Amino acid sequence: MPIYIYQCECGESTEVLHSMTATVRIVCDECLKEMTRRPSVAGVSFKGTGWGKDA
């Protein structure tokens, strides 16, 4: 399951682990407004020969 980053208008942010198909409503602990999902960078690991110094 991916980790999603949610951010509020007030500047607070949190990471939430849930499935891609889940319908979630994340509320800010500080101002109690609904938080919006922000794009995040996926971790990628290239293994084997032909990458970087092996080329």
Protein backbone atom coordinates (compact mmCIF):
# COMPACT_ATOMS: atom_id res chain seq x y z
CA MET A 1 0.00 0.00 0.00
CA PRO A 2 1.31 3.46 -0.84
CA ILE A 3 1.93 6.25 1.64
CA TYR A 4 0.11 9.47 0.78
CA ILE A 5 0.98 12.97 2.00
CA TYR A 6 -1.95 15.16 3.02
CA GLN A 7 -1.62 18.90 3.62
CA CYS A 8 -3.97 21.47 5.12
CA GLU A 9 -4.47 25.15 4.29
CA CYS A 10 -2.98 26.05 7.68
CA GLY A 11 0.32 24.36 6.76
CA GLU A 12 0.02 21.12 8.73
CA SER A 13 0.84 17.90 6.88
CA THR A 14 0.67 14.18 7.61
CA GLU A 15 1.52 10.87 5.94
CA VAL A 16 -1.24 8.26 5.66
CA LEU A 17 -0.96 4.62 4.56
CA HIS A 18 -4.01 3.40 2.62
CA SER A 19 -4.87 1.50 -0.55
CA MET A 20 -5.16 3.26 -3.91
CA THR A 21 -8.88 2.54 -4.12
CA ALA A 22 -9.77 3.63 -0.58
CA THR A 23 -12.00 6.64 -0.13
CA VAL A 24 -10.59 8.57 2.81
CA ARG A 25 -11.33 11.92 4.41
CA ILE A 26 -8.41 13.24 6.43
CA VAL A 27 -9.13 16.10 8.84
CA CYS A 28 -6.50 18.47 10.23
CA ASP A 29 -5.90 18.12 13.98
CA GLU A 30 -5.16 21.85 14.32
CA CYS A 31 -7.99 23.62 12.44
CA LEU A 32 -10.40 20.68 11.77
CA LYS A 33 -10.57 21.40 8.02
CA GLU A 34 -10.34 18.67 5.40
CA MET A 35 -6.79 18.02 4.15
CA THR A 36 -5.89 17.55 0.47
CA ARG A 37 -3.60 14.89 -0.97
CA ARG A 38 -0.28 16.13 -2.33
CA PRO A 39 1.91 14.38 -4.88
CA SER A 40 4.89 12.54 -3.45
CA VAL A 41 8.03 11.01 -4.91
CA ALA A 42 8.04 7.22 -5.24
CA GLY A 43 11.11 5.33 -4.12
CA VAL A 44 12.86 3.57 -6.99
CA SER A 45 15.72 1.14 -6.73
CA PHE A 46 17.54 -0.03 -9.86
CA LYS A 47 19.32 -3.36 -9.35
CA GLY A 48 21.53 -5.40 -11.60
CA THR A 49 24.16 -4.48 -14.16
CA GLY A 50 23.93 -1.59 -16.59
CA TRP A 51 23.03 1.14 -14.09
CA GLY A 52 25.30 4.00 -13.15
CA LYS A 53 28.93 2.98 -12.64
CA ASP A 54 28.33 -0.50 -14.16
CA ALA A 55 27.66 0.94 -17.62
